[in-house]
């Protein structure tokens, strides 16, 4: 599987990474409904054994449950086959399932230690500020990440969902290794300013939701959208409701012919489309079953029509 260097670091990521947002369960505001945890672990292990070399998770995914499942997968894989692990801090689940931002130094340190315990590792390969919330605290949180790196608890520092102005503020303190933004055929907002900035400043980009939370898999239907359970946050997402839903499903129908011409699926096309940009190091692909992750590996080495024309 193809690999790309992550920013200025010595981390070389496969162009597909395993995303674990969904496997955290549905008991919080941005959950994906109930999950089969055993199957999720099998999916992670299968993806790594098939050649993917990194996993993305976050403390807030299921209030630590996603990290715990990743930790179980790491133990099954064994130290000799340990993949690169990325996780995030700064989002705290409340008793009612809602989420608040917290970036105080004490909270960041406590989150880091908790993530290390759940993952069962001595050092986190890539530790990221999940959201710049509160905005006024990002410098304090970033300084804390620098201290955690100096203490040997994290290897590289990154951010997620930050804009250019925020990244410029942090770059004055310490070099940013990577940015994790949303990027897909349905979410192109980073193309005009953020991607060029990252390219110019050697900041790696690992994009999330390249398949738009399932809309660009080619398997999503209007009926499925209507039957999403209440504990699946997509049931409240405007992209999964009219009038946007019909527009998105119509786009997928047009993409099917393009994907077929390259002997690929629509999902592979959606992922490969994000990877066409030289600034993008890797695309994070969520999978809850082994067949899902294994069916997407072809996106790493796309052979088909010119994706820039889509």
Protein backbone atom coordinates (compact mmCIF):
# COMPACT_ATOMS: atom_id res chain seq x y z
CA UNK A 1 0.00 0.00 0.00
CA UNK A 2 1.26 3.49 -0.85
CA UNK A 3 2.76 5.63 1.93
CA UNK A 4 3.35 9.35 2.28
CA UNK A 5 5.47 11.28 4.76
CA UNK A 6 3.44 13.14 7.39
CA UNK A 7 4.60 16.75 7.30
CA UNK A 8 8.16 17.20 8.61
CA UNK A 9 8.01 14.09 10.82
CA UNK A 10 9.57 10.68 10.35
CA UNK A 11 6.09 9.10 10.27
CA UNK A 12 5.20 7.57 6.92
CA UNK A 13 1.49 6.82 6.76
CA UNK A 14 -0.33 4.54 4.38
CA UNK A 15 -2.69 6.65 2.29
CA UNK A 16 -5.60 4.98 4.05
CA UNK A 17 -5.92 5.05 7.84
CA UNK A 18 -8.44 3.21 10.00
CA UNK A 19 -10.99 5.53 11.62
CA UNK A 20 -12.71 4.53 14.87
CA UNK A 21 -15.27 7.29 15.45
CA UNK A 22 -18.25 5.01 14.87
CA UNK A 23 -17.16 2.12 17.09
CA UNK A 24 -17.44 4.27 20.20
CA UNK A 25 -21.17 3.55 20.30
CA UNK A 26 -24.26 5.73 20.44
CA UNK A 27 -24.42 6.97 24.02
CA UNK A 28 -23.30 10.51 23.24
CA UNK A 29 -24.34 13.41 21.01
CA UNK A 30 -22.22 12.43 18.01
CA UNK A 31 -22.49 8.64 18.30
CA UNK A 32 -23.28 6.29 15.43
CA UNK A 33 -25.70 3.95 17.19
CA UNK A 34 -24.93 0.69 18.92
CA UNK A 35 -21.93 -1.29 17.68
CA UNK A 36 -20.76 -4.88 17.63
CA UNK A 37 -17.52 -4.37 19.56
CA UNK A 38 -16.06 -7.79 18.80
CA UNK A 39 -16.56 -7.25 15.08
CA UNK A 40 -15.01 -3.79 15.36
CA UNK A 41 -11.83 -5.28 16.82
CA UNK A 42 -11.75 -7.88 14.05
CA UNK A 43 -12.10 -5.07 11.49
CA UNK A 44 -9.14 -3.14 12.93
CA UNK A 45 -6.94 -6.22 13.04
CA UNK A 46 -7.93 -7.20 9.49
CA UNK A 47 -7.12 -3.73 8.17
CA UNK A 48 -3.67 -3.67 9.76
CA UNK A 49 -2.86 -7.18 8.57
CA UNK A 50 -3.93 -6.16 5.06
CA UNK A 51 -1.31 -3.40 4.99
CA UNK A 52 -2.78 -0.26 6.62
CA UNK A 53 -0.23 1.08 9.10
CA UNK A 54 -2.12 3.59 11.23
CA UNK A 55 -5.24 4.04 13.33
CA UNK A 56 -7.05 7.25 14.26
CA UNK A 57 -9.16 7.55 17.39
CA UNK A 58 -10.11 10.13 20.06
CA UNK A 59 -10.87 10.20 23.76
CA UNK A 60 -14.35 11.60 23.12
CA UNK A 61 -15.43 8.72 20.86
CA UNK A 62 -17.78 6.92 23.22
CA UNK A 63 -16.13 8.56 26.24
CA UNK A 64 -12.99 6.46 25.86
CA UNK A 65 -14.65 3.30 24.54
CA UNK A 66 -13.16 3.64 21.07
CA UNK A 67 -9.66 3.93 22.55
CA UNK A 68 -10.29 0.87 24.70
CA UNK A 69 -11.27 -1.18 21.64
CA UNK A 70 -8.21 0.06 19.76
CA UNK A 71 -6.13 -1.01 22.76
CA UNK A 72 -7.62 -4.51 22.58
CA UNK A 73 -6.81 -4.68 18.86
CA UNK A 74 -3.23 -3.57 19.55
CA UNK A 75 -2.79 -6.34 22.09
CA UNK A 76 -4.12 -8.88 19.61
CA UNK A 77 -1.74 -7.63 16.93
CA UNK A 78 1.24 -7.77 19.28
CA UNK A 79 4.10 -5.33 19.72
CA UNK A 80 5.93 -6.52 16.62
CA UNK A 81 2.97 -5.51 14.44
CA UNK A 82 1.96 -2.36 16.31
CA UNK A 83 0.61 0.29 13.94
CA UNK A 84 0.99 4.05 14.28
CA UNK A 85 -1.67 5.38 16.66
CA UNK A 86 -3.20 8.86 16.56
CA UNK A 87 -5.65 10.19 19.12
CA UNK A 88 -7.03 13.55 20.26
CA UNK A 89 -7.86 15.65 23.30
CA UNK A 90 -10.00 18.62 24.21
CA UNK A 91 -13.60 17.27 24.01
CA UNK A 92 -15.39 16.25 27.18
CA UNK A 93 -18.69 14.33 27.31
CA UNK A 94 -21.23 15.57 29.85
CA UNK A 95 -23.71 13.42 31.78
CA UNK A 96 -26.46 14.14 29.22
CA UNK A 97 -24.26 13.02 26.30
CA UNK A 98 -23.49 16.53 25.10
CA UNK A 99 -19.92 17.62 24.42
CA UNK A 100 -17.98 20.66 25.64
CA UNK A 101 -14.53 21.90 24.79
CA UNK A 102 -11.84 21.97 27.48
CA UNK A 103 -8.22 22.86 26.72
CA UNK A 104 -6.75 23.75 30.10
CA UNK A 105 -3.25 22.35 30.72
CA UNK A 106 -4.49 20.17 33.60
CA UNK A 107 -7.28 18.69 31.48
CA UNK A 108 -4.99 18.03 28.51
CA UNK A 109 -2.45 16.25 30.73
CA UNK A 110 -5.18 14.16 32.37
CA UNK A 111 -6.64 13.22 28.98
CA UNK A 112 -3.23 12.21 27.67
CA UNK A 113 -2.58 9.94 30.64
CA UNK A 114 -6.04 8.39 30.32
CA UNK A 115 -5.53 7.77 26.59
CA UNK A 116 -2.17 6.11 27.24
CA UNK A 117 -3.84 3.75 29.75
CA UNK A 118 -6.77 2.88 27.50
CA UNK A 119 -4.57 2.29 24.46
CA UNK A 120 -2.01 0.36 26.47
CA UNK A 121 0.94 2.22 24.95
CA UNK A 122 3.87 4.13 26.43
CA UNK A 123 3.84 6.88 23.80
CA UNK A 124 1.14 8.26 21.47
CA UNK A 125 2.51 8.62 17.94
CA UNK A 126 0.33 11.60 16.97
CA UNK A 127 -1.56 13.62 19.59
CA UNK A 128 -3.99 16.24 18.30
CA UNK A 129 -6.12 19.07 19.63
CA UNK A 130 -9.54 17.88 18.50
CA UNK A 131 -11.26 21.28 18.12
CA UNK A 132 -10.07 24.86 18.78
CA UNK A 133 -12.64 25.22 21.55
CA UNK A 134 -12.34 27.45 23.49
CA UNK A 135 -10.37 29.40 20.92
CA UNK A 136 -8.62 31.48 23.56
CA UNK A 137 -7.09 28.37 25.14
CA UNK A 138 -5.43 26.81 22.09
CA UNK A 139 -2.00 28.29 22.85
CA UNK A 140 -2.06 26.94 26.42
CA UNK A 141 -3.13 23.51 25.19
CA UNK A 142 -0.48 23.51 22.45
CA UNK A 143 2.23 24.47 24.93
CA UNK A 144 1.09 21.55 27.08
CA UNK A 145 1.41 19.19 24.11
CA UNK A 146 4.98 20.43 23.61
CA UNK A 147 5.70 19.61 27.25
CA UNK A 148 4.14 16.16 26.86
CA UNK A 149 6.38 15.56 23.85
CA UNK A 150 9.42 16.58 25.86
CA UNK A 151 8.31 14.15 28.58
CA UNK A 152 8.22 11.32 26.03
CA UNK A 153 4.47 10.76 26.22
CA UNK A 154 3.75 11.84 22.64
CA UNK A 155 5.82 11.66 19.49
CA UNK A 156 4.26 14.24 17.15
CA UNK A 157 1.84 17.16 17.63
CA UNK A 158 -1.14 17.88 15.41
CA UNK A 159 -4.43 19.73 15.26
CA UNK A 160 -7.88 18.96 13.95
CA UNK A 161 -10.57 21.33 12.62
CA UNK A 162 -8.33 24.42 12.91
CA UNK A 163 -8.30 27.28 10.42
CA UNK A 164 -5.25 29.06 9.00
CA UNK A 165 -5.27 31.89 11.54
CA UNK A 166 -5.35 29.42 14.40
CA UNK A 167 -2.55 27.33 12.91
CA UNK A 168 -0.44 30.47 12.48
CA UNK A 169 -0.82 31.21 16.19
CA UNK A 170 0.34 27.72 17.14
CA UNK A 171 3.22 27.63 14.65
CA UNK A 172 4.83 30.50 16.60
CA UNK A 173 5.09 28.12 19.58
CA UNK A 174 6.00 24.80 17.93
CA UNK A 175 5.88 23.29 14.46
CA UNK A 176 2.56 21.63 13.56
CA UNK A 177 3.06 18.12 12.19
CA UNK A 178 -0.45 17.68 10.79
CA UNK A 179 -3.96 18.98 10.37
CA UNK A 180 -7.03 16.75 10.40
CA UNK A 181 -9.92 18.45 8.55
CA UNK A 182 -13.13 17.12 6.96
CA UNK A 183 -12.68 16.70 3.22
CA UNK A 184 -14.82 14.99 0.61
CA UNK A 185 -16.63 15.54 -2.66
CA UNK A 186 -19.42 17.03 -0.52
CA UNK A 187 -17.15 19.14 1.71
CA UNK A 188 -14.53 21.03 -0.31
CA UNK A 189 -14.13 24.08 1.90
CA UNK A 190 -10.45 23.50 2.68
CA UNK A 191 -9.32 23.72 -0.96
CA UNK A 192 -8.98 27.50 -1.36
CA UNK A 193 -6.96 28.46 1.73
CA UNK A 194 -6.24 25.62 4.14
CA UNK A 195 -4.73 23.05 1.76
CA UNK A 196 -2.41 25.60 0.09
CA UNK A 197 -1.30 26.85 3.51
CA UNK A 198 -0.51 23.31 4.67
CA UNK A 199 1.40 22.64 1.46
CA UNK A 200 3.46 25.81 1.81
CA UNK A 201 4.27 25.18 5.49
CA UNK A 202 4.92 21.43 5.27
CA UNK A 203 1.94 20.50 7.45
CA UNK A 204 0.64 17.01 6.71
CA UNK A 205 -3.10 16.62 6.08
CA UNK A 206 -5.06 13.56 7.21
CA UNK A 207 -8.63 14.13 6.13
CA UNK A 208 -11.66 12.63 7.83
CA UNK A 209 -15.07 11.66 6.44
CA UNK A 210 -13.84 11.21 2.83
CA UNK A 211 -17.00 9.16 2.21
CA UNK A 212 -19.18 11.82 3.85
CA UNK A 213 -20.27 9.60 6.76
CA UNK A 214 -21.46 6.92 4.35
CA UNK A 215 -23.27 9.04 1.79
CA UNK A 216 -20.52 8.43 -0.79
CA UNK A 217 -20.24 4.68 -0.35
CA UNK A 218 -22.69 3.87 -3.13
CA UNK A 219 -24.67 1.77 -0.68
CA UNK A 220 -26.60 4.50 1.13
CA UNK A 221 -30.29 4.86 0.25
CA UNK A 222 -33.17 7.19 1.06
CA UNK A 223 -34.81 4.39 3.04
CA UNK A 224 -31.70 3.88 5.13
CA UNK A 225 -31.54 7.59 5.90
CA UNK A 226 -35.16 7.57 7.03
CA UNK A 227 -34.54 4.61 9.32
CA UNK A 228 -31.41 5.85 11.07
CA UNK A 229 -31.87 5.28 14.83
CA UNK A 230 -32.11 8.22 17.19
CA UNK A 231 -28.72 7.41 18.74
CA UNK A 232 -27.05 7.78 15.32
CA UNK A 233 -26.12 11.47 15.00
CA UNK A 234 -26.62 11.29 11.23
CA UNK A 235 -30.36 11.20 11.86
CA UNK A 236 -30.02 14.89 12.83
CA UNK A 237 -27.50 15.85 10.15
CA UNK A 238 -28.99 18.07 7.39
CA UNK A 239 -26.89 16.23 4.78
CA UNK A 240 -29.04 13.16 5.45
CA UNK A 241 -32.31 15.08 5.14
CA UNK A 242 -34.15 16.75 2.28
CA UNK A 243 -33.44 18.65 0.16
CA UNK A 244 -29.73 17.80 0.52
CA UNK A 245 -30.24 14.04 0.62
CA UNK A 246 -31.69 13.85 -2.90
CA UNK A 247 -28.89 16.02 -4.27
CA UNK A 248 -26.25 13.79 -2.71
CA UNK A 249 -27.83 10.55 -3.87
CA UNK A 250 -28.07 11.98 -7.41
CA UNK A 251 -24.34 12.74 -7.32
CA UNK A 252 -23.63 9.17 -6.27
CA UNK A 253 -25.55 7.86 -9.26
CA UNK A 254 -23.33 9.94 -11.55
CA UNK A 255 -20.21 8.73 -9.77
CA UNK A 256 -21.10 5.08 -10.26
CA UNK A 257 -20.33 5.23 -13.99
CA UNK A 258 -16.99 6.96 -13.36
CA UNK A 259 -16.02 4.41 -10.72
CA UNK A 260 -17.03 1.50 -12.95
CA UNK A 261 -14.83 2.83 -15.75
CA UNK A 262 -11.83 2.42 -13.44
CA UNK A 263 -13.05 -0.93 -12.12
CA UNK A 264 -13.54 0.53 -8.67
CA UNK A 265 -16.42 1.19 -6.30
CA UNK A 266 -17.92 4.61 -5.59
CA UNK A 267 -16.44 4.44 -2.10
CA UNK A 268 -12.95 3.87 -3.49
CA UNK A 269 -13.46 6.74 -5.91
CA UNK A 270 -14.52 9.06 -3.07
CA UNK A 271 -11.39 8.21 -1.07
CA UNK A 272 -9.04 8.38 -4.05
CA UNK A 273 -10.50 11.78 -4.98
CA UNK A 274 -9.22 13.25 -1.70
CA UNK A 275 -5.81 11.63 -2.20
CA UNK A 276 -5.38 13.29 -5.61
CA UNK A 277 -4.28 16.45 -3.76
CA UNK A 278 -0.53 16.42 -3.05
CA UNK A 279 -1.11 18.13 0.31
CA UNK A 280 -3.18 15.18 1.57
CA UNK A 281 -1.08 12.53 3.31
CA UNK A 282 -3.85 10.07 4.11
CA UNK A 283 -7.63 9.63 4.25
CA UNK A 284 -9.25 8.24 7.39
CA UNK A 285 -11.70 5.47 6.57
CA UNK A 286 -14.18 4.33 9.19
CA UNK A 287 -15.09 0.65 9.26
CA UNK A 288 -17.14 -1.42 11.67
CA UNK A 289 -16.73 -4.77 9.91
CA UNK A 290 -13.70 -6.40 8.27
CA UNK A 291 -15.39 -6.61 4.86
CA UNK A 292 -15.89 -2.84 4.89
CA UNK A 293 -12.24 -1.96 5.39
CA UNK A 294 -10.94 -4.64 3.03
CA UNK A 295 -13.22 -3.47 0.22
CA UNK A 296 -11.65 0.00 0.28
CA UNK A 297 -7.96 -0.83 -0.06
CA UNK A 298 -7.99 -0.25 -3.83
CA UNK A 299 -8.40 3.49 -3.26
CA UNK A 300 -4.73 3.64 -2.23
CA UNK A 301 -3.60 2.81 -5.76
CA UNK A 302 -6.28 4.27 -8.03
CA UNK A 303 -6.16 3.39 -11.70
CA UNK A 304 -8.98 5.01 -13.60
CA UNK A 305 -10.32 8.28 -15.01
CA UNK A 306 -8.74 11.59 -14.06
CA UNK A 307 -10.15 12.40 -10.62
CA UNK A 308 -9.33 16.09 -10.99
CA UNK A 309 -12.15 16.38 -13.54
CA UNK A 310 -14.87 15.40 -11.03
